[in-house]
Amino acid sequence: MSRVGKKPVDVPSGVKVTIDPQTRTVAVEGPRGKLSMVHRPEIAVTWNEAENRIICSIPRDQMGERQMRAYWGLTRSLVANMIKGVSEGYTKRLEVVGVGWNAKAMGQTIQLNIGYCHPVDLPVPGGVEVAVEKAFITVSGADKQAVGQLAAQIRAKRPPEPYNGKGIKYVGEIIIRKQGKVFGA
């Protein structure tokens, strides 16, 4: 059995869940927004209104199949991420390290001045907010995948390098520094 899949997902108060078995759609609405997903046909997703829980399951005869157990755990994790996203939200913080390097949030784009001869503009997808304060970029939103993807795209424009430590890194990320060349006799 899937250890992740068999755990029920608790739904906090203030979150509205709609499950349509015909289209296999799970829709979640909360204070931070709306999210929906279409799950695989092998997985059954049911909502127990009395206990305020969502339960994912697979047929008994397919429990021995490794791929089915993987889909089971994946579906449960995606539903749990949606519920946490619409109730609490997700946040990633990045730090721009470099002399004269900065970032600016301009509407639905973020402009990075990170040592190239031109500024780098990145579009911000819908449902994701970007805030910039000094050398820190905060990416937040209800969709965990969209927040993580935008943060990874920003970091990929100038990943931190090991000699001087310049680049864009996650807050709390440890960059292992290298010594560099040593001259002498």
C-alpha atoms as a PDB file:
ATOM      1  CA  MET A   1       0.000   0.000   0.000  1.00  0.00           C
ATOM      2  CA  SER A   2       1.014   3.575  -0.539  1.00  0.00           C
ATOM      3  CA  ARG A   3       1.960   5.137   2.762  1.00  0.00           C
ATOM      4  CA  VAL A   4       1.199   8.618   1.456  1.00  0.00           C
ATOM      5  CA  GLY A   5      -1.953   7.718  -0.472  1.00  0.00           C
ATOM      6  CA  LYS A   6      -3.801   6.024   2.375  1.00  0.00           C
ATOM      7  CA  LYS A   7      -3.652   9.102   4.656  1.00  0.00           C
ATOM      8  CA  PRO A   8      -6.792  11.255   4.406  1.00  0.00           C
ATOM      9  CA  VAL A   9      -6.494  14.967   3.597  1.00  0.00           C
ATOM     10  CA  ASP A  10      -8.088  17.213   6.222  1.00  0.00           C
ATOM     11  CA  VAL A  11     -10.013  20.167   4.812  1.00  0.00           C
ATOM     12  CA  PRO A  12      -9.824  23.295   7.029  1.00  0.00           C
ATOM     13  CA  SER A  13     -12.837  25.497   7.600  1.00  0.00           C
ATOM     14  CA  GLY A  14     -13.341  28.169   4.961  1.00  0.00           C
ATOM     15  CA  VAL A  15     -12.277  25.861   2.114  1.00  0.00           C
ATOM     16  CA  LYS A  16     -14.933  24.653  -0.319  1.00  0.00           C
ATOM     17  CA  VAL A  17     -14.333  21.352  -2.151  1.00  0.00           C
ATOM     18  CA  THR A  18     -16.157  20.163  -5.278  1.00  0.00           C
ATOM     19  CA  ILE A  19     -15.486  16.707  -6.733  1.00  0.00           C
ATOM     20  CA  ASP A  20     -17.025  15.716 -10.070  1.00  0.00           C
ATOM     21  CA  PRO A  21     -16.626  11.948 -10.684  1.00  0.00           C
ATOM     22  CA  GLN A  22     -17.754  12.171 -14.353  1.00  0.00           C
ATOM     23  CA  THR A  23     -14.950  14.523 -15.416  1.00  0.00           C
ATOM     24  CA  ARG A  24     -12.567  13.399 -12.614  1.00  0.00           C
ATOM     25  CA  THR A  25     -12.159  17.035 -11.545  1.00  0.00           C
ATOM     26  CA  VAL A  26     -11.284  18.156  -8.027  1.00  0.00           C
ATOM     27  CA  ALA A  27     -11.930  21.889  -7.478  1.00  0.00           C
ATOM     28  CA  VAL A  28     -10.883  23.700  -4.310  1.00  0.00           C
ATOM     29  CA  GLU A  29     -11.792  27.269  -3.361  1.00  0.00           C
ATOM     30  CA  GLY A  30     -10.499  29.176  -0.356  1.00  0.00           C
ATOM     31  CA  PRO A  31      -9.422  32.614   0.862  1.00  0.00           C
ATOM     32  CA  ARG A  32      -6.240  32.586  -1.300  1.00  0.00           C
ATOM     33  CA  GLY A  33      -7.953  31.631  -4.571  1.00  0.00           C
ATOM     34  CA  LYS A  34      -9.298  28.744  -6.646  1.00  0.00           C
ATOM     35  CA  LEU A  35      -7.466  25.669  -7.917  1.00  0.00           C
ATOM     36  CA  SER A  36      -8.596  22.587  -9.814  1.00  0.00           C
ATOM     37  CA  MET A  37      -7.052  19.432 -11.230  1.00  0.00           C
ATOM     38  CA  VAL A  38      -8.074  16.386 -13.217  1.00  0.00           C
ATOM     39  CA  HIS A  39      -6.919  13.162 -11.592  1.00  0.00           C
ATOM     40  CA  ARG A  40      -6.110   9.835 -13.262  1.00  0.00           C
ATOM     41  CA  PRO A  41      -9.012   7.472 -14.021  1.00  0.00           C
ATOM     42  CA  GLU A  42      -7.530   4.663 -11.892  1.00  0.00           C
ATOM     43  CA  ILE A  43      -7.757   6.720  -8.691  1.00  0.00           C
ATOM     44  CA  ALA A  44     -11.028   7.344  -6.839  1.00  0.00           C
ATOM     45  CA  VAL A  45     -11.233  10.650  -4.950  1.00  0.00           C
ATOM     46  CA  THR A  46     -14.116  11.021  -2.493  1.00  0.00           C
ATOM     47  CA  TRP A  47     -15.053  13.733  -0.023  1.00  0.00           C
ATOM     48  CA  ASN A  48     -16.407  12.741   3.369  1.00  0.00           C
ATOM     49  CA  GLU A  49     -18.457  15.785   4.390  1.00  0.00           C
ATOM     50  CA  ALA A  50     -19.174  14.457   7.901  1.00  0.00           C
ATOM     51  CA  GLU A  51     -15.464  14.267   8.833  1.00  0.00           C
ATOM     52  CA  ASN A  52     -14.442  17.079   6.439  1.00  0.00           C
ATOM     53  CA  ARG A  53     -11.799  14.893   4.759  1.00  0.00           C
ATOM     54  CA  ILE A  54     -10.808  13.896   1.242  1.00  0.00           C
ATOM     55  CA  ILE A  55      -9.902  10.248   0.712  1.00  0.00           C
ATOM     56  CA  CYS A  56      -8.003   8.865  -2.284  1.00  0.00           C
ATOM     57  CA  SER A  57      -8.174   5.156  -3.091  1.00  0.00           C
ATOM     58  CA  ILE A  58      -7.455   2.560  -5.754  1.00  0.00           C
ATOM     59  CA  PRO A  59      -9.213  -0.771  -6.422  1.00  0.00           C
ATOM     60  CA  ARG A  60      -8.137  -3.675  -4.204  1.00  0.00           C
ATOM     61  CA  ASP A  61      -6.988  -5.807  -7.163  1.00  0.00           C
ATOM     62  CA  GLN A  62      -4.512  -3.103  -8.303  1.00  0.00           C
ATOM     63  CA  MET A  63      -2.808  -2.604  -4.918  1.00  0.00           C
ATOM     64  CA  GLY A  64       0.036  -4.908  -5.956  1.00  0.00           C
ATOM     65  CA  GLU A  65       0.958  -2.821  -8.984  1.00  0.00           C
ATOM     66  CA  ARG A  66       3.800  -0.425  -8.281  1.00  0.00           C
ATOM     67  CA  GLN A  67       2.658   2.178 -10.827  1.00  0.00           C
ATOM     68  CA  MET A  68      -0.864   2.334  -9.360  1.00  0.00           C
ATOM     69  CA  ARG A  69       0.495   2.904  -5.858  1.00  0.00           C
ATOM     70  CA  ALA A  70       2.676   5.705  -7.238  1.00  0.00           C
ATOM     71  CA  TYR A  71      -0.340   7.373  -8.885  1.00  0.00           C
ATOM     72  CA  TRP A  72      -2.274   6.964  -5.649  1.00  0.00           C
ATOM     73  CA  GLY A  73       0.338   8.792  -3.576  1.00  0.00           C
ATOM     74  CA  LEU A  74       0.816  11.454  -6.260  1.00  0.00           C
ATOM     75  CA  THR A  75      -2.903  12.217  -6.441  1.00  0.00           C
ATOM     76  CA  ARG A  76      -3.169  12.518  -2.659  1.00  0.00           C
ATOM     77  CA  SER A  77      -0.137  14.857  -2.555  1.00  0.00           C
ATOM     78  CA  LEU A  78      -1.510  17.077  -5.331  1.00  0.00           C
ATOM     79  CA  VAL A  79      -4.882  17.383  -3.567  1.00  0.00           C
ATOM     80  CA  ALA A  80      -3.159  18.176  -0.243  1.00  0.00           C
ATOM     81  CA  ASN A  81      -0.991  20.833  -1.950  1.00  0.00           C
ATOM     82  CA  MET A  82      -4.087  22.449  -3.476  1.00  0.00           C
ATOM     83  CA  ILE A  83      -5.851  22.602  -0.112  1.00  0.00           C
ATOM     84  CA  LYS A  84      -2.804  24.079   1.631  1.00  0.00           C
ATOM     85  CA  GLY A  85      -2.346  26.555  -1.236  1.00  0.00           C
ATOM     86  CA  VAL A  86      -5.870  27.986  -1.111  1.00  0.00           C
ATOM     87  CA  SER A  87      -5.853  28.183   2.701  1.00  0.00           C
ATOM     88  CA  GLU A  88      -2.280  29.296   3.544  1.00  0.00           C
ATOM     89  CA  GLY A  89      -0.429  29.809   0.254  1.00  0.00           C
ATOM     90  CA  TYR A  90       3.167  29.121  -0.750  1.00  0.00           C
ATOM     91  CA  THR A  91       6.176  31.446  -0.665  1.00  0.00           C
ATOM     92  CA  LYS A  92       9.712  31.243  -2.059  1.00  0.00           C
ATOM     93  CA  ARG A  93      12.326  33.885  -1.277  1.00  0.00           C
ATOM     94  CA  LEU A  94      15.377  34.546  -3.424  1.00  0.00           C
ATOM     95  CA  GLU A  95      18.385  36.772  -2.833  1.00  0.00           C
ATOM     96  CA  VAL A  96      20.297  38.666  -5.535  1.00  0.00           C
ATOM     97  CA  VAL A  97      23.999  38.774  -4.629  1.00  0.00           C
ATOM     98  CA  GLY A  98      26.299  41.018  -6.673  1.00  0.00           C
ATOM     99  CA  VAL A  99      27.524  44.606  -6.799  1.00  0.00           C
ATOM    100  CA  GLY A 100      24.999  46.721  -8.694  1.00  0.00           C
ATOM    101  CA  TRP A 101      22.687  43.770  -9.307  1.00  0.00           C
ATOM    102  CA  ASN A 102      18.999  44.285  -8.575  1.00  0.00           C
ATOM    103  CA  ALA A 103      15.464  43.323  -9.473  1.00  0.00           C
ATOM    104  CA  LYS A 104      12.303  45.336 -10.116  1.00  0.00           C
ATOM    105  CA  ALA A 105       8.696  44.162 -10.154  1.00  0.00           C
ATOM    106  CA  MET A 106       6.826  45.935 -12.958  1.00  0.00           C
ATOM    107  CA  GLY A 107       3.221  44.756 -13.152  1.00  0.00           C
ATOM    108  CA  GLN A 108       3.117  41.272 -14.632  1.00  0.00           C
ATOM    109  CA  THR A 109       6.863  41.172 -15.367  1.00  0.00           C
ATOM    110  CA  ILE A 110       9.987  41.115 -13.243  1.00  0.00           C
ATOM    111  CA  GLN A 111      13.100  42.870 -14.520  1.00  0.00           C
ATOM    112  CA  LEU A 112      16.506  41.553 -13.459  1.00  0.00           C
ATOM    113  CA  ASN A 113      19.717  43.575 -13.819  1.00  0.00           C
ATOM    114  CA  ILE A 114      22.251  40.850 -13.115  1.00  0.00           C
ATOM    115  CA  GLY A 115      25.488  41.699 -14.889  1.00  0.00           C
ATOM    116  CA  TYR A 116      24.431  41.270 -18.501  1.00  0.00           C
ATOM    117  CA  CYS A 117      24.581  44.143 -20.988  1.00  0.00           C
ATOM    118  CA  HIS A 118      20.763  44.170 -21.055  1.00  0.00           C
ATOM    119  CA  PRO A 119      18.044  43.733 -18.430  1.00  0.00           C
ATOM    120  CA  VAL A 120      16.327  40.327 -18.303  1.00  0.00           C
ATOM    121  CA  ASP A 121      12.512  40.457 -18.298  1.00  0.00           C
ATOM    122  CA  LEU A 122      10.473  37.484 -17.056  1.00  0.00           C
ATOM    123  CA  PRO A 123       6.666  37.286 -17.305  1.00  0.00           C
ATOM    124  CA  VAL A 124       4.825  36.507 -14.077  1.00  0.00           C
ATOM    125  CA  PRO A 125       2.073  33.894 -14.573  1.00  0.00           C
ATOM    126  CA  GLY A 126      -1.464  34.511 -13.334  1.00  0.00           C
ATOM    127  CA  GLY A 127      -2.135  33.660  -9.711  1.00  0.00           C
ATOM    128  CA  VAL A 128       1.470  34.362  -8.671  1.00  0.00           C
ATOM    129  CA  GLU A 129       2.608  37.580  -6.990  1.00  0.00           C
ATOM    130  CA  VAL A 130       6.152  38.931  -6.958  1.00  0.00           C
ATOM    131  CA  ALA A 131       7.451  41.483  -4.463  1.00  0.00           C
ATOM    132  CA  VAL A 132      10.945  42.969  -4.454  1.00  0.00           C
ATOM    133  CA  GLU A 133      12.564  44.648  -1.460  1.00  0.00           C
ATOM    134  CA  LYS A 134      16.226  45.645  -1.803  1.00  0.00           C
ATOM    135  CA  ALA A 135      18.090  42.448  -2.802  1.00  0.00           C
ATOM    136  CA  PHE A 136      15.284  40.012  -1.952  1.00  0.00           C
ATOM    137  CA  ILE A 137      12.622  38.665  -4.316  1.00  0.00           C
ATOM    138  CA  THR A 138       9.488  37.094  -2.799  1.00  0.00           C
ATOM    139  CA  VAL A 139       7.391  34.826  -5.029  1.00  0.00           C
ATOM    140  CA  SER A 140       4.031  33.810  -3.525  1.00  0.00           C
ATOM    141  CA  GLY A 141       0.740  32.288  -4.608  1.00  0.00           C
ATOM    142  CA  ALA A 142      -1.741  29.483  -4.108  1.00  0.00           C
ATOM    143  CA  ASP A 143      -0.359  27.077  -6.740  1.00  0.00           C
ATOM    144  CA  LYS A 144       2.765  25.331  -5.409  1.00  0.00           C
ATOM    145  CA  GLN A 145       3.906  24.280  -8.879  1.00  0.00           C
ATOM    146  CA  ALA A 146       3.599  27.771 -10.384  1.00  0.00           C
ATOM    147  CA  VAL A 147       5.423  29.417  -7.446  1.00  0.00           C
ATOM    148  CA  GLY A 148       8.256  26.879  -7.578  1.00  0.00           C
ATOM    149  CA  GLN A 149       8.532  27.095 -11.362  1.00  0.00           C
ATOM    150  CA  LEU A 150       8.807  30.906 -11.398  1.00  0.00           C
ATOM    151  CA  ALA A 151      11.381  30.855  -8.574  1.00  0.00           C
ATOM    152  CA  ALA A 152      13.425  28.262 -10.476  1.00  0.00           C
ATOM    153  CA  GLN A 153      13.245  30.341 -13.687  1.00  0.00           C
ATOM    154  CA  ILE A 154      14.458  33.441 -11.845  1.00  0.00           C
ATOM    155  CA  ARG A 155      17.333  31.507 -10.239  1.00  0.00           C
ATOM    156  CA  ALA A 156      18.283  29.914 -13.594  1.00  0.00           C
ATOM    157  CA  LYS A 157      18.958  33.330 -15.161  1.00  0.00           C
ATOM    158  CA  ARG A 158      22.109  33.678 -13.004  1.00  0.00           C
ATOM    159  CA  PRO A 159      22.734  30.708 -10.666  1.00  0.00           C
ATOM    160  CA  PRO A 160      25.205  31.345  -7.837  1.00  0.00           C
ATOM    161  CA  GLU A 161      28.811  30.643  -8.732  1.00  0.00           C
ATOM    162  CA  PRO A 162      31.202  28.986  -6.257  1.00  0.00           C
ATOM    163  CA  TYR A 163      34.164  31.396  -6.400  1.00  0.00           C
ATOM    164  CA  ASN A 164      32.735  34.810  -5.503  1.00  0.00           C
ATOM    165  CA  GLY A 165      29.225  33.705  -4.481  1.00  0.00           C
ATOM    166  CA  LYS A 166      27.571  36.053  -6.975  1.00  0.00           C
ATOM    167  CA  GLY A 167      24.224  35.110  -8.470  1.00  0.00           C
ATOM    168  CA  ILE A 168      20.600  34.539  -7.523  1.00  0.00           C
ATOM    169  CA  LYS A 169      20.088  32.015  -4.718  1.00  0.00           C
ATOM    170  CA  TYR A 170      17.275  30.844  -2.485  1.00  0.00           C
ATOM    171  CA  VAL A 171      17.281  32.350   1.014  1.00  0.00           C
ATOM    172  CA  GLY A 172      18.875  29.751   3.274  1.00  0.00           C
ATOM    173  CA  GLU A 173      20.634  27.974   0.393  1.00  0.00           C
ATOM    174  CA  ILE A 174      24.263  27.188   1.211  1.00  0.00           C
ATOM    175  CA  ILE A 175      26.756  27.747  -1.599  1.00  0.00           C
ATOM    176  CA  ILE A 176      29.927  25.709  -1.145  1.00  0.00           C
ATOM    177  CA  ARG A 177      32.786  28.060  -1.939  1.00  0.00           C
ATOM    178  CA  LYS A 178      35.935  27.078  -3.803  1.00  0.00           C
ATOM    179  CA  GLN A 179      39.356  28.481  -3.048  1.00  0.00           C
ATOM    180  CA  GLY A 180      40.443  29.475  -6.543  1.00  0.00           C
ATOM    181  CA  LYS A 181      43.959  29.530  -7.955  1.00  0.00           C
ATOM    182  CA  VAL A 182      46.928  29.876  -5.608  1.00  0.00           C
ATOM    183  CA  PHE A 183      50.097  31.462  -6.952  1.00  0.00           C
ATOM    184  CA  GLY A 184      53.493  31.186  -5.349  1.00  0.00           C
ATOM    185  CA  ALA A 185      56.716  29.238  -5.194  1.00  0.00           C
END
